[in-house]
């Protein structure tokens, strides 16, 4: 797993979202460990992450829209 040393807004939002999604989910132990490692590398607690997420959203930040062509394996994409 590649972890940015200084998380950008998207990294913060994704980490917050994934913590919520996999909280208490049995079988997601490896994902939960990876998320904990991210926080350790960023020198943040879970509470710090939640504060940063709330601050981002309250400040008007929104995720960048993903282009439909970027989704999938590419096996179903016709060559131009």
Foldseek 3Di string as FASTA:
>chain_A
DDADLADDLVRLQVLLVVCVVCPVPPPCVVVVVVSVVNCVSNVHDNVRSVVSNVVCVVVPDDDDDDDPVVDDDCPPDDDD
